[in-house]
C-alpha cells in the first residue's frame, strides 16, 4: 500500500505544487482584501521521503493518497494571538473545512506546555472549484497552520532542541520548560492587551485634545489627530493648497517621527503647548509660510508638512543663528541655512 500511495504522489506531484501556489496566492489576496496584515505566509508540498515516513508510522490509517490531508501545507504566522482568530474566520468563510481532520492545539491543560497552533484542513468551496482556473484542484486538500509569531518561536526552538512534549523532557528540566512556555504565552496576551489599549487611546485622543490638551503628550497618534483637526493648521494647509496648488497625501499613519521628536527642541511637551503657540503666533506664522514657500513646487506633499513648516517658524523666532543651527542639526539634518530662516522671518514681519 505504501508503494502504491507513493506512486500516486509522484504522478500527481505537479498538480500538488500548482495547488499549493494557488492556495498561497488566494489566501494572500483574501488577506489584502480584508486589509489583514500577517507576519508570514508560506507553503510547501511534502517531499517523497517525508511522505514515506508518515505512511510507515500510520500504515493502517491510509488506503489511498486522498486519506493524507497534509501533503500540501500552508503556514500563516500572525503578529498577535488574537489575529489567529481573525484569520481562522476568514479561512472558514472562504473554504470548506474538514472538521474531522482539523485540530486546535492552542488549548493546553494546566500541567502542559509546548506547541500551540491551529490546524485547519481545507478544500476549495463549491463556488470556487467550479471555476476553470480551480477545477483541477477540486478534490485536493490542504492543511493550514495558523499561529502567532511567539507561538512560532516556541515551535522552532522546541524543534531545534529536539524535545516536543512533556513526556520527553527529563524531570530536572521540566520546570524551565514550564517557565519559558508561560513567559511566551504571557507575552502574547500582553501584546494583545497593549494593542487594545493603544486602539482605545487612538479612538479617545481627539476628545482628550479638546477637553484636556495639557494632559496629552506629543506622540504619533495625538499629533496626527491634532494636525488633522486643529482649525489653524487646517486653515494653513488650505492657504498653501490655494497658493501652491498642492495635493496633500497621508504618507504616515500619524505624524512623522522626526517631527514628533523635534518639538522637544522647543521645550514643548504637550498638545496644549503647540496649540497655545499656534494661537499666539498665527498671523506671523501665516506670513512666514507664505514667504518660505515662494519658490517651492511639489505636485503632492505630505499632509503633516504644515507641522514641519511650523517648526521652521519656531526656530526662526529666536533669530539666533546658533539656536537655528541647533534645530537644523537636531535629530537629523534639515535642509537650509540659519541666515535663510532669519531672512524669511524678517521679510514676513514686513508684510
C-alpha atoms as a PDB file:
ATOM      1  CA  UNK A   1       0.000   0.000   0.000  1.00  0.00           C
ATOM      2  CA  UNK A   2       2.888   2.359   0.820  1.00  0.00           C
ATOM      3  CA  UNK A   3       4.411   1.933  -2.639  1.00  0.00           C
ATOM      4  CA  UNK A   4       1.037   2.451  -4.292  1.00  0.00           C
ATOM      5  CA  UNK A   5       0.464   5.718  -2.407  1.00  0.00           C
ATOM      6  CA  UNK A   6       3.969   6.960  -3.197  1.00  0.00           C
ATOM      7  CA  UNK A   7       3.451   6.151  -6.866  1.00  0.00           C
ATOM      8  CA  UNK A   8       0.163   8.115  -6.797  1.00  0.00           C
ATOM      9  CA  UNK A   9       2.012  11.008  -5.234  1.00  0.00           C
ATOM     10  CA  UNK A  10       4.684  11.059  -7.958  1.00  0.00           C
ATOM     11  CA  UNK A  11       2.006  11.032 -10.640  1.00  0.00           C
ATOM     12  CA  UNK A  12       0.142  13.964  -9.053  1.00  0.00           C
ATOM     13  CA  UNK A  13       3.110  15.903  -7.654  1.00  0.00           C
ATOM     14  CA  UNK A  14       2.998  18.657 -10.275  1.00  0.00           C
ATOM     15  CA  UNK A  15      -0.685  19.220  -9.537  1.00  0.00           C
ATOM     16  CA  UNK A  16       0.049  19.405  -5.815  1.00  0.00           C
ATOM     17  CA  UNK A  17       2.746  22.006  -6.482  1.00  0.00           C
ATOM     18  CA  UNK A  18       0.336  24.088  -8.550  1.00  0.00           C
ATOM     19  CA  UNK A  19      -2.388  23.698  -5.902  1.00  0.00           C
ATOM     20  CA  UNK A  20      -0.001  24.912  -3.209  1.00  0.00           C
ATOM     21  CA  UNK A  21       0.834  28.029  -5.228  1.00  0.00           C
ATOM     22  CA  UNK A  22      -2.854  28.650  -5.928  1.00  0.00           C
ATOM     23  CA  UNK A  23      -3.807  28.427  -2.252  1.00  0.00           C
ATOM     24  CA  UNK A  24      -0.977  30.750  -1.164  1.00  0.00           C
ATOM     25  CA  UNK A  25      -1.905  33.338  -3.788  1.00  0.00           C
ATOM     26  CA  UNK A  26      -5.606  33.054  -2.985  1.00  0.00           C
ATOM     27  CA  UNK A  27      -5.114  33.462   0.761  1.00  0.00           C
ATOM     28  CA  UNK A  28      -2.746  36.372   0.138  1.00  0.00           C
ATOM     29  CA  UNK A  29      -5.398  38.092  -1.991  1.00  0.00           C
ATOM     30  CA  UNK A  30      -8.097  37.460   0.617  1.00  0.00           C
ATOM     31  CA  UNK A  31      -5.921  38.889   3.398  1.00  0.00           C
ATOM     32  CA  UNK A  32      -5.208  42.018   1.342  1.00  0.00           C
ATOM     33  CA  UNK A  33      -8.902  42.486   0.525  1.00  0.00           C
ATOM     34  CA  UNK A  34      -9.685  42.398   4.250  1.00  0.00           C
ATOM     35  CA  UNK A  35      -6.672  44.638   4.990  1.00  0.00           C
ATOM     36  CA  UNK A  36      -5.325  41.984   7.338  1.00  0.00           C
ATOM     37  CA  UNK A  37      -1.561  42.069   7.846  1.00  0.00           C
ATOM     38  CA  UNK A  38       0.277  38.868   8.747  1.00  0.00           C
ATOM     39  CA  UNK A  39       3.927  38.298   9.526  1.00  0.00           C
ATOM     40  CA  UNK A  40       4.428  35.486   7.044  1.00  0.00           C
ATOM     41  CA  UNK A  41       2.501  33.350   4.562  1.00  0.00           C
ATOM     42  CA  UNK A  42       4.274  30.326   3.135  1.00  0.00           C
ATOM     43  CA  UNK A  43       3.582  26.838   1.857  1.00  0.00           C
ATOM     44  CA  UNK A  44       5.161  23.560   0.872  1.00  0.00           C
ATOM     45  CA  UNK A  45       4.390  20.182  -0.664  1.00  0.00           C
ATOM     46  CA  UNK A  46       5.626  17.169   1.309  1.00  0.00           C
ATOM     47  CA  UNK A  47       8.790  15.608  -0.013  1.00  0.00           C
ATOM     48  CA  UNK A  48       8.746  11.967  -1.041  1.00  0.00           C
ATOM     49  CA  UNK A  49      10.847  10.806   1.943  1.00  0.00           C
ATOM     50  CA  UNK A  50       8.734  12.730   4.439  1.00  0.00           C
ATOM     51  CA  UNK A  51       5.582  11.223   2.974  1.00  0.00           C
ATOM     52  CA  UNK A  52       7.074   7.722   3.151  1.00  0.00           C
ATOM     53  CA  UNK A  53       7.893   8.146   6.861  1.00  0.00           C
ATOM     54  CA  UNK A  54       4.369   9.399   7.562  1.00  0.00           C
ATOM     55  CA  UNK A  55       2.831   6.345   5.882  1.00  0.00           C
ATOM     56  CA  UNK A  56       5.141   3.963   7.767  1.00  0.00           C
ATOM     57  CA  UNK A  57       4.127   5.470  11.123  1.00  0.00           C
ATOM     58  CA  UNK A  58       0.409   5.021  10.413  1.00  0.00           C
ATOM     59  CA  UNK A  59       0.416   2.176   7.924  1.00  0.00           C
ATOM     60  CA  UNK A  60      -3.117   1.061   8.825  1.00  0.00           C
ATOM     61  CA  UNK A  61      -4.630   4.531   8.519  1.00  0.00           C
ATOM     62  CA  UNK A  62      -4.023   5.258   4.836  1.00  0.00           C
ATOM     63  CA  UNK A  63      -5.507   3.250   1.966  1.00  0.00           C
ATOM     64  CA  UNK A  64      -5.018   5.920  -0.716  1.00  0.00           C
ATOM     65  CA  UNK A  65      -3.300   9.248  -1.146  1.00  0.00           C
ATOM     66  CA  UNK A  66      -6.629  11.039  -0.601  1.00  0.00           C
ATOM     67  CA  UNK A  67      -6.557   9.906   3.046  1.00  0.00           C
ATOM     68  CA  UNK A  68      -3.487  12.065   3.673  1.00  0.00           C
ATOM     69  CA  UNK A  69      -4.646  15.629   4.266  1.00  0.00           C
ATOM     70  CA  UNK A  70      -1.353  17.465   4.764  1.00  0.00           C
ATOM     71  CA  UNK A  71       0.511  16.706   1.539  1.00  0.00           C
ATOM     72  CA  UNK A  72       0.012  20.395   0.799  1.00  0.00           C
ATOM     73  CA  UNK A  73       0.675  22.589   3.804  1.00  0.00           C
ATOM     74  CA  UNK A  74       0.330  26.339   4.264  1.00  0.00           C
ATOM     75  CA  UNK A  75       1.541  28.268   7.293  1.00  0.00           C
ATOM     76  CA  UNK A  76       0.182  31.661   8.319  1.00  0.00           C
ATOM     77  CA  UNK A  77       2.121  33.426  11.063  1.00  0.00           C
ATOM     78  CA  UNK A  78       0.200  36.313  12.595  1.00  0.00           C
ATOM     79  CA  UNK A  79       1.622  39.142  14.658  1.00  0.00           C
ATOM     80  CA  UNK A  80      -0.625  38.598  17.671  1.00  0.00           C
ATOM     81  CA  UNK A  81      -2.510  35.688  19.211  1.00  0.00           C
ATOM     82  CA  UNK A  82      -5.869  37.428  18.689  1.00  0.00           C
ATOM     83  CA  UNK A  83      -5.109  37.696  14.973  1.00  0.00           C
ATOM     84  CA  UNK A  84      -5.229  33.895  14.750  1.00  0.00           C
ATOM     85  CA  UNK A  85      -8.990  34.021  15.385  1.00  0.00           C
ATOM     86  CA  UNK A  86      -9.453  36.670  12.678  1.00  0.00           C
ATOM     87  CA  UNK A  87      -7.539  34.601  10.130  1.00  0.00           C
ATOM     88  CA  UNK A  88      -9.466  31.495  11.166  1.00  0.00           C
ATOM     89  CA  UNK A  89     -12.772  33.257  10.443  1.00  0.00           C
ATOM     90  CA  UNK A  90     -11.503  34.320   7.031  1.00  0.00           C
ATOM     91  CA  UNK A  91     -10.457  30.755   6.168  1.00  0.00           C
ATOM     92  CA  UNK A  92     -13.765  29.300   7.388  1.00  0.00           C
ATOM     93  CA  UNK A  93     -15.708  31.860   5.334  1.00  0.00           C
ATOM     94  CA  UNK A  94     -13.804  31.162   2.124  1.00  0.00           C
ATOM     95  CA  UNK A  95     -13.101  27.392   2.163  1.00  0.00           C
ATOM     96  CA  UNK A  96     -14.704  24.076   3.029  1.00  0.00           C
ATOM     97  CA  UNK A  97     -13.370  22.780   6.347  1.00  0.00           C
ATOM     98  CA  UNK A  98     -12.662  19.116   7.029  1.00  0.00           C
ATOM     99  CA  UNK A  99     -13.627  19.267  10.721  1.00  0.00           C
ATOM    100  CA  UNK A 100     -12.666  15.639  11.355  1.00  0.00           C
ATOM    101  CA  UNK A 101      -9.029  16.269  10.457  1.00  0.00           C
ATOM    102  CA  UNK A 102      -8.774  19.836  11.774  1.00  0.00           C
ATOM    103  CA  UNK A 103      -7.469  20.383  15.281  1.00  0.00           C
ATOM    104  CA  UNK A 104      -6.979  23.298  17.648  1.00  0.00           C
ATOM    105  CA  UNK A 105      -3.700  22.768  19.512  1.00  0.00           C
ATOM    106  CA  UNK A 106      -3.759  26.135  21.257  1.00  0.00           C
ATOM    107  CA  UNK A 107      -5.625  24.989  24.375  1.00  0.00           C
ATOM    108  CA  UNK A 108      -3.354  23.129  26.788  1.00  0.00           C
ATOM    109  CA  UNK A 109      -4.113  21.657  30.195  1.00  0.00           C
ATOM    110  CA  UNK A 110      -2.689  23.396  33.264  1.00  0.00           C
ATOM    111  CA  UNK A 111       0.133  20.862  33.529  1.00  0.00           C
ATOM    112  CA  UNK A 112       1.000  21.004  29.822  1.00  0.00           C
ATOM    113  CA  UNK A 113       3.351  23.145  27.807  1.00  0.00           C
ATOM    114  CA  UNK A 114       4.669  23.166  24.271  1.00  0.00           C
ATOM    115  CA  UNK A 115       3.439  23.538  20.706  1.00  0.00           C
ATOM    116  CA  UNK A 116       0.370  25.749  20.245  1.00  0.00           C
ATOM    117  CA  UNK A 117      -1.202  26.205  16.833  1.00  0.00           C
ATOM    118  CA  UNK A 118      -4.482  25.977  14.949  1.00  0.00           C
ATOM    119  CA  UNK A 119      -4.616  23.383  12.158  1.00  0.00           C
ATOM    120  CA  UNK A 120      -7.421  23.611   9.600  1.00  0.00           C
ATOM    121  CA  UNK A 121      -7.746  21.106   6.774  1.00  0.00           C
ATOM    122  CA  UNK A 122      -9.408  22.855   3.866  1.00  0.00           C
ATOM    123  CA  UNK A 123     -10.540  22.338   0.295  1.00  0.00           C
ATOM    124  CA  UNK A 124     -11.983  24.699  -2.274  1.00  0.00           C
ATOM    125  CA  UNK A 125     -15.615  25.666  -1.727  1.00  0.00           C
ATOM    126  CA  UNK A 126     -18.314  24.918  -4.308  1.00  0.00           C
ATOM    127  CA  UNK A 127     -18.385  28.404  -5.794  1.00  0.00           C
ATOM    128  CA  UNK A 128     -14.655  28.343  -6.397  1.00  0.00           C
ATOM    129  CA  UNK A 129     -13.931  24.769  -7.506  1.00  0.00           C
ATOM    130  CA  UNK A 130     -16.403  25.157 -10.386  1.00  0.00           C
ATOM    131  CA  UNK A 131     -14.264  27.916 -11.896  1.00  0.00           C
ATOM    132  CA  UNK A 132     -11.986  26.868 -14.756  1.00  0.00           C
ATOM    133  CA  UNK A 133      -8.806  28.054 -13.065  1.00  0.00           C
ATOM    134  CA  UNK A 134      -9.535  25.980  -9.957  1.00  0.00           C
ATOM    135  CA  UNK A 135     -11.308  22.938 -11.376  1.00  0.00           C
ATOM    136  CA  UNK A 136      -8.132  20.811 -11.470  1.00  0.00           C
ATOM    137  CA  UNK A 137      -7.865  21.072  -7.670  1.00  0.00           C
ATOM    138  CA  UNK A 138     -11.478  20.194  -6.819  1.00  0.00           C
ATOM    139  CA  UNK A 139     -10.687  17.073  -4.750  1.00  0.00           C
ATOM    140  CA  UNK A 140      -7.415  18.220  -3.172  1.00  0.00           C
ATOM    141  CA  UNK A 141      -6.964  19.155   0.467  1.00  0.00           C
ATOM    142  CA  UNK A 142      -4.518  21.405   2.253  1.00  0.00           C
ATOM    143  CA  UNK A 143      -3.587  21.738   5.912  1.00  0.00           C
ATOM    144  CA  UNK A 144      -3.340  25.347   7.067  1.00  0.00           C
ATOM    145  CA  UNK A 145      -1.403  26.062  10.259  1.00  0.00           C
ATOM    146  CA  UNK A 146      -2.163  29.400  11.893  1.00  0.00           C
ATOM    147  CA  UNK A 147      -0.139  30.688  14.840  1.00  0.00           C
ATOM    148  CA  UNK A 148       1.337  33.877  16.256  1.00  0.00           C
ATOM    149  CA  UNK A 149       4.979  34.911  15.992  1.00  0.00           C
ATOM    150  CA  UNK A 150       5.645  33.892  19.601  1.00  0.00           C
ATOM    151  CA  UNK A 151       3.872  30.559  19.160  1.00  0.00           C
ATOM    152  CA  UNK A 152       6.015  30.039  16.068  1.00  0.00           C
ATOM    153  CA  UNK A 153       9.154  30.959  18.012  1.00  0.00           C
ATOM    154  CA  UNK A 154       8.348  28.276  20.593  1.00  0.00           C
ATOM    155  CA  UNK A 155       7.728  25.691  17.862  1.00  0.00           C
ATOM    156  CA  UNK A 156      11.019  26.461  16.140  1.00  0.00           C
ATOM    157  CA  UNK A 157      13.080  26.401  19.345  1.00  0.00           C
ATOM    158  CA  UNK A 158      11.322  23.272  20.567  1.00  0.00           C
ATOM    159  CA  UNK A 159      12.113  21.602  17.243  1.00  0.00           C
ATOM    160  CA  UNK A 160      15.737  22.697  17.454  1.00  0.00           C
ATOM    161  CA  UNK A 161      16.079  21.304  20.989  1.00  0.00           C
ATOM    162  CA  UNK A 162      14.609  18.009  19.851  1.00  0.00           C
ATOM    163  CA  UNK A 163      12.047  17.714  22.670  1.00  0.00           C
ATOM    164  CA  UNK A 164       8.415  18.021  21.667  1.00  0.00           C
ATOM    165  CA  UNK A 165       6.384  17.326  24.768  1.00  0.00           C
ATOM    166  CA  UNK A 166       6.187  16.838  28.486  1.00  0.00           C
ATOM    167  CA  UNK A 167       6.875  13.089  28.374  1.00  0.00           C
ATOM    168  CA  UNK A 168      10.150  13.552  26.504  1.00  0.00           C
ATOM    169  CA  UNK A 169      11.566  16.183  28.863  1.00  0.00           C
ATOM    170  CA  UNK A 170      13.926  14.997  31.644  1.00  0.00           C
ATOM    171  CA  UNK A 171      12.369  15.780  35.037  1.00  0.00           C
ATOM    172  CA  UNK A 172      15.116  18.194  36.099  1.00  0.00           C
ATOM    173  CA  UNK A 173      14.392  20.436  33.081  1.00  0.00           C
ATOM    174  CA  UNK A 174      10.577  20.421  33.113  1.00  0.00           C
ATOM    175  CA  UNK A 175      10.379  23.461  35.415  1.00  0.00           C
ATOM    176  CA  UNK A 176      12.441  25.531  32.979  1.00  0.00           C
ATOM    177  CA  UNK A 177      10.277  24.434  30.050  1.00  0.00           C
ATOM    178  CA  UNK A 178       7.141  25.375  32.003  1.00  0.00           C
ATOM    179  CA  UNK A 179       8.569  28.765  32.920  1.00  0.00           C
ATOM    180  CA  UNK A 180       9.595  29.623  29.357  1.00  0.00           C
ATOM    181  CA  UNK A 181       6.305  28.425  27.915  1.00  0.00           C
ATOM    182  CA  UNK A 182       4.405  30.580  30.415  1.00  0.00           C
ATOM    183  CA  UNK A 183       6.561  33.609  29.594  1.00  0.00           C
ATOM    184  CA  UNK A 184       5.845  33.358  25.875  1.00  0.00           C
ATOM    185  CA  UNK A 185       2.136  32.784  26.454  1.00  0.00           C
ATOM    186  CA  UNK A 186       2.023  35.768  28.818  1.00  0.00           C
ATOM    187  CA  UNK A 187       3.913  37.941  26.318  1.00  0.00           C
ATOM    188  CA  UNK A 188       1.400  37.014  23.595  1.00  0.00           C
ATOM    189  CA  UNK A 189      -1.504  38.064  25.815  1.00  0.00           C
ATOM    190  CA  UNK A 190       0.237  41.268  26.953  1.00  0.00           C
ATOM    191  CA  UNK A 191       0.906  42.340  23.366  1.00  0.00           C
ATOM    192  CA  UNK A 192      -2.777  41.762  22.631  1.00  0.00           C
ATOM    193  CA  UNK A 193      -3.773  43.818  25.655  1.00  0.00           C
ATOM    194  CA  UNK A 194      -1.366  46.600  24.643  1.00  0.00           C
ATOM    195  CA  UNK A 195      -2.806  46.666  21.119  1.00  0.00           C
ATOM    196  CA  UNK A 196      -6.334  47.067  22.517  1.00  0.00           C
ATOM    197  CA  UNK A 197      -5.236  49.847  24.869  1.00  0.00           C
ATOM    198  CA  UNK A 198      -3.470  51.715  22.052  1.00  0.00           C
ATOM    199  CA  UNK A 199      -6.571  51.366  19.865  1.00  0.00           C
ATOM    200  CA  UNK A 200      -8.686  52.799  22.674  1.00  0.00           C
ATOM    201  CA  UNK A 201      -6.233  55.678  23.132  1.00  0.00           C
ATOM    202  CA  UNK A 202      -6.246  56.465  19.394  1.00  0.00           C
ATOM    203  CA  UNK A 203     -10.048  56.466  19.457  1.00  0.00           C
ATOM    204  CA  UNK A 204     -10.268  58.719  22.530  1.00  0.00           C
ATOM    205  CA  UNK A 205      -7.399  61.101  21.816  1.00  0.00           C
ATOM    206  CA  UNK A 206      -9.493  63.571  19.771  1.00  0.00           C
ATOM    207  CA  UNK A 207     -11.799  64.162  22.753  1.00  0.00           C
ATOM    208  CA  UNK A 208      -8.800  64.372  25.092  1.00  0.00           C
ATOM    209  CA  UNK A 209      -7.213  67.062  22.910  1.00  0.00           C
ATOM    210  CA  UNK A 210     -10.381  69.142  23.266  1.00  0.00           C
ATOM    211  CA  UNK A 211     -11.059  68.518  26.954  1.00  0.00           C
ATOM    212  CA  UNK A 212      -7.578  68.228  28.472  1.00  0.00           C
ATOM    213  CA  UNK A 213      -4.828  69.154  25.959  1.00  0.00           C
ATOM    214  CA  UNK A 214      -2.462  69.896  28.834  1.00  0.00           C
ATOM    215  CA  UNK A 215      -2.510  66.175  29.684  1.00  0.00           C
ATOM    216  CA  UNK A 216      -1.971  64.890  26.139  1.00  0.00           C
ATOM    217  CA  UNK A 217       1.658  64.232  25.316  1.00  0.00           C
ATOM    218  CA  UNK A 218       3.103  64.684  21.848  1.00  0.00           C
ATOM    219  CA  UNK A 219       3.143  61.294  20.167  1.00  0.00           C
ATOM    220  CA  UNK A 220       2.260  59.727  16.824  1.00  0.00           C
ATOM    221  CA  UNK A 221      -1.457  59.361  17.489  1.00  0.00           C
ATOM    222  CA  UNK A 222      -2.050  62.661  19.302  1.00  0.00           C
ATOM    223  CA  UNK A 223      -0.021  64.817  16.916  1.00  0.00           C
ATOM    224  CA  UNK A 224      -1.571  63.084  13.904  1.00  0.00           C
ATOM    225  CA  UNK A 225      -5.091  63.832  15.182  1.00  0.00           C
ATOM    226  CA  UNK A 226      -4.149  67.380  16.182  1.00  0.00           C
ATOM    227  CA  UNK A 227      -2.693  68.020  12.729  1.00  0.00           C
ATOM    228  CA  UNK A 228      -5.887  66.856  11.039  1.00  0.00           C
ATOM    229  CA  UNK A 229      -8.357  68.562  13.369  1.00  0.00           C
ATOM    230  CA  UNK A 230      -6.780  71.833  14.573  1.00  0.00           C
ATOM    231  CA  UNK A 231      -8.515  74.761  12.856  1.00  0.00           C
ATOM    232  CA  UNK A 232      -5.362  76.884  12.452  1.00  0.00           C
ATOM    233  CA  UNK A 233      -3.429  74.025  10.853  1.00  0.00           C
ATOM    234  CA  UNK A 234      -6.370  73.246   8.540  1.00  0.00           C
ATOM    235  CA  UNK A 235      -6.538  76.908   7.541  1.00  0.00           C
ATOM    236  CA  UNK A 236      -2.775  76.978   6.919  1.00  0.00           C
ATOM    237  CA  UNK A 237      -2.973  73.874   4.716  1.00  0.00           C
ATOM    238  CA  UNK A 238      -5.814  75.377   2.717  1.00  0.00           C
ATOM    239  CA  UNK A 239      -3.835  78.600   2.337  1.00  0.00           C
ATOM    240  CA  UNK A 240      -0.842  76.754   0.901  1.00  0.00           C
ATOM    241  CA  UNK A 241      -3.009  74.496  -1.222  1.00  0.00           C
ATOM    242  CA  UNK A 242      -4.659  77.523  -2.861  1.00  0.00           C
ATOM    243  CA  UNK A 243      -1.337  79.258  -3.330  1.00  0.00           C
ATOM    244  CA  UNK A 244       0.793  76.297  -4.464  1.00  0.00           C
ATOM    245  CA  UNK A 245      -1.928  74.059  -5.995  1.00  0.00           C
ATOM    246  CA  UNK A 246      -0.694  71.185  -3.810  1.00  0.00           C
ATOM    247  CA  UNK A 247      -2.458  67.909  -3.262  1.00  0.00           C
ATOM    248  CA  UNK A 248      -1.965  66.560   0.245  1.00  0.00           C
ATOM    249  CA  UNK A 249      -1.359  62.881   0.915  1.00  0.00           C
ATOM    250  CA  UNK A 250      -1.149  60.965   4.170  1.00  0.00           C
ATOM    251  CA  UNK A 251       2.253  59.311   3.973  1.00  0.00           C
ATOM    252  CA  UNK A 252       2.284  58.163   7.574  1.00  0.00           C
ATOM    253  CA  UNK A 253      -0.247  56.623   9.933  1.00  0.00           C
ATOM    254  CA  UNK A 254       0.037  59.592  12.259  1.00  0.00           C
ATOM    255  CA  UNK A 255       2.750  62.244  12.427  1.00  0.00           C
ATOM    256  CA  UNK A 256       6.295  61.749  11.174  1.00  0.00           C
ATOM    257  CA  UNK A 257       8.778  60.515  13.805  1.00  0.00           C
ATOM    258  CA  UNK A 258      11.235  63.343  13.153  1.00  0.00           C
ATOM    259  CA  UNK A 259       8.540  65.993  13.581  1.00  0.00           C
ATOM    260  CA  UNK A 260       7.420  64.404  16.857  1.00  0.00           C
ATOM    261  CA  UNK A 261      10.967  64.354  18.185  1.00  0.00           C
ATOM    262  CA  UNK A 262      11.864  67.931  17.226  1.00  0.00           C
ATOM    263  CA  UNK A 263       9.097  69.514  19.312  1.00  0.00           C
ATOM    264  CA  UNK A 264      11.218  68.728  22.359  1.00  0.00           C
ATOM    265  CA  UNK A 265      13.855  71.124  20.980  1.00  0.00           C
ATOM    266  CA  UNK A 266      11.341  73.918  21.595  1.00  0.00           C
ATOM    267  CA  UNK A 267      10.570  72.618  25.124  1.00  0.00           C
ATOM    268  CA  UNK A 268       7.091  71.593  24.012  1.00  0.00           C
ATOM    269  CA  UNK A 269       5.794  68.517  25.810  1.00  0.00           C
ATOM    270  CA  UNK A 270       2.022  68.574  25.346  1.00  0.00           C
ATOM    271  CA  UNK A 271      -0.511  69.269  22.615  1.00  0.00           C
ATOM    272  CA  UNK A 272      -1.545  72.386  24.575  1.00  0.00           C
ATOM    273  CA  UNK A 273       1.973  73.792  24.188  1.00  0.00           C
ATOM    274  CA  UNK A 274       1.672  73.551  20.397  1.00  0.00           C
ATOM    275  CA  UNK A 275      -1.903  74.846  20.349  1.00  0.00           C
ATOM    276  CA  UNK A 276      -1.082  77.888  22.512  1.00  0.00           C
ATOM    277  CA  UNK A 277       1.917  78.779  20.340  1.00  0.00           C
ATOM    278  CA  UNK A 278      -0.127  78.468  17.141  1.00  0.00           C
ATOM    279  CA  UNK A 279      -2.833  80.735  18.554  1.00  0.00           C
ATOM    280  CA  UNK A 280      -0.356  83.344  19.797  1.00  0.00           C
ATOM    281  CA  UNK A 281       1.648  83.440  16.564  1.00  0.00           C
ATOM    282  CA  UNK A 282      -0.988  82.690  13.920  1.00  0.00           C
ATOM    283  CA  UNK A 283      -0.701  85.905  11.879  1.00  0.00           C
ATOM    284  CA  UNK A 284       3.092  85.894  11.722  1.00  0.00           C
ATOM    285  CA  UNK A 285       3.179  82.137  11.054  1.00  0.00           C
ATOM    286  CA  UNK A 286       0.929  82.536   8.005  1.00  0.00           C
ATOM    287  CA  UNK A 287       3.148  85.319   6.668  1.00  0.00           C
ATOM    288  CA  UNK A 288       6.230  83.168   7.275  1.00  0.00           C
ATOM    289  CA  UNK A 289       4.935  80.159   5.345  1.00  0.00           C
ATOM    290  CA  UNK A 290       3.831  82.480   2.528  1.00  0.00           C
ATOM    291  CA  UNK A 291       7.409  83.739   2.204  1.00  0.00           C
ATOM    292  CA  UNK A 292       9.047  80.385   2.925  1.00  0.00           C
ATOM    293  CA  UNK A 293       7.244  78.556   0.114  1.00  0.00           C
ATOM    294  CA  UNK A 294       7.689  81.200  -2.590  1.00  0.00           C
ATOM    295  CA  UNK A 295       9.975  79.104  -4.787  1.00  0.00           C
ATOM    296  CA  UNK A 296       8.631  75.632  -3.938  1.00  0.00           C
ATOM    297  CA  UNK A 297       6.966  73.260  -6.371  1.00  0.00           C
ATOM    298  CA  UNK A 298       5.517  69.869  -5.473  1.00  0.00           C
ATOM    299  CA  UNK A 299       2.630  68.110  -7.263  1.00  0.00           C
ATOM    300  CA  UNK A 300       1.728  66.468  -3.949  1.00  0.00           C
ATOM    301  CA  UNK A 301       3.075  66.704  -0.435  1.00  0.00           C
ATOM    302  CA  UNK A 302       2.607  65.050   2.944  1.00  0.00           C
ATOM    303  CA  UNK A 303      -0.281  66.365   4.990  1.00  0.00           C
ATOM    304  CA  UNK A 304       1.999  66.859   8.007  1.00  0.00           C
ATOM    305  CA  UNK A 305       4.263  69.304   6.099  1.00  0.00           C
ATOM    306  CA  UNK A 306       2.478  72.180   7.859  1.00  0.00           C
ATOM    307  CA  UNK A 307       3.871  70.934  11.181  1.00  0.00           C
ATOM    308  CA  UNK A 308       7.316  70.832   9.592  1.00  0.00           C
ATOM    309  CA  UNK A 309       6.994  74.466   8.497  1.00  0.00           C
ATOM    310  CA  UNK A 310       5.670  75.437  11.913  1.00  0.00           C
ATOM    311  CA  UNK A 311       8.851  74.057  13.446  1.00  0.00           C
ATOM    312  CA  UNK A 312      10.897  76.110  10.957  1.00  0.00           C
ATOM    313  CA  UNK A 313       8.921  79.130  12.100  1.00  0.00           C
ATOM    314  CA  UNK A 314       9.524  78.355  15.787  1.00  0.00           C
ATOM    315  CA  UNK A 315      13.254  78.041  15.171  1.00  0.00           C
ATOM    316  CA  UNK A 316      13.427  81.331  13.279  1.00  0.00           C
ATOM    317  CA  UNK A 317      11.614  83.245  16.058  1.00  0.00           C
ATOM    318  CA  UNK A 318      14.818  83.483  18.074  1.00  0.00           C
ATOM    319  CA  UNK A 319      16.780  84.971  15.129  1.00  0.00           C
ATOM    320  CA  UNK A 320      19.824  83.423  16.824  1.00  0.00           C
ATOM    321  CA  UNK A 321      21.989  81.616  14.273  1.00  0.00           C
ATOM    322  CA  UNK A 322      23.395  79.155  16.810  1.00  0.00           C
ATOM    323  CA  UNK A 323      19.897  78.248  18.018  1.00  0.00           C
ATOM    324  CA  UNK A 324      18.651  77.750  14.453  1.00  0.00           C
ATOM    325  CA  UNK A 325      21.767  75.742  13.612  1.00  0.00           C
ATOM    326  CA  UNK A 326      20.967  73.508  16.581  1.00  0.00           C
ATOM    327  CA  UNK A 327      17.479  72.998  15.232  1.00  0.00           C
ATOM    328  CA  UNK A 328      18.731  72.223  11.735  1.00  0.00           C
ATOM    329  CA  UNK A 329      21.029  69.505  13.047  1.00  0.00           C
ATOM    330  CA  UNK A 330      18.687  68.178  15.762  1.00  0.00           C
ATOM    331  CA  UNK A 331      17.682  64.531  15.336  1.00  0.00           C
ATOM    332  CA  UNK A 332      18.749  64.572  11.686  1.00  0.00           C
ATOM    333  CA  UNK A 333      19.901  67.221   9.234  1.00  0.00           C
ATOM    334  CA  UNK A 334      17.289  69.562   7.750  1.00  0.00           C
ATOM    335  CA  UNK A 335      17.990  71.391   4.517  1.00  0.00           C
ATOM    336  CA  UNK A 336      18.550  75.095   4.967  1.00  0.00           C
ATOM    337  CA  UNK A 337      20.864  77.701   6.476  1.00  0.00           C
ATOM    338  CA  UNK A 338      20.272  79.750   9.650  1.00  0.00           C
ATOM    339  CA  UNK A 339      20.503  83.035   7.722  1.00  0.00           C
ATOM    340  CA  UNK A 340      17.835  81.871   5.284  1.00  0.00           C
ATOM    341  CA  UNK A 341      15.392  81.247   8.140  1.00  0.00           C
ATOM    342  CA  UNK A 342      16.123  84.639   9.709  1.00  0.00           C
ATOM    343  CA  UNK A 343      15.793  86.482   6.395  1.00  0.00           C
ATOM    344  CA  UNK A 344      12.437  84.881   5.674  1.00  0.00           C
ATOM    345  CA  UNK A 345      11.123  85.706   9.139  1.00  0.00           C
ATOM    346  CA  UNK A 346      12.274  89.318   8.795  1.00  0.00           C
ATOM    347  CA  UNK A 347      10.604  89.532   5.399  1.00  0.00           C
ATOM    348  CA  UNK A 348       7.416  88.072   6.870  1.00  0.00           C
ATOM    349  CA  UNK A 349       7.418  90.716   9.619  1.00  0.00           C
ATOM    350  CA  UNK A 350       7.476  93.460   6.988  1.00  0.00           C
ATOM    351  CA  UNK A 351       4.440  92.116   5.113  1.00  0.00           C
END
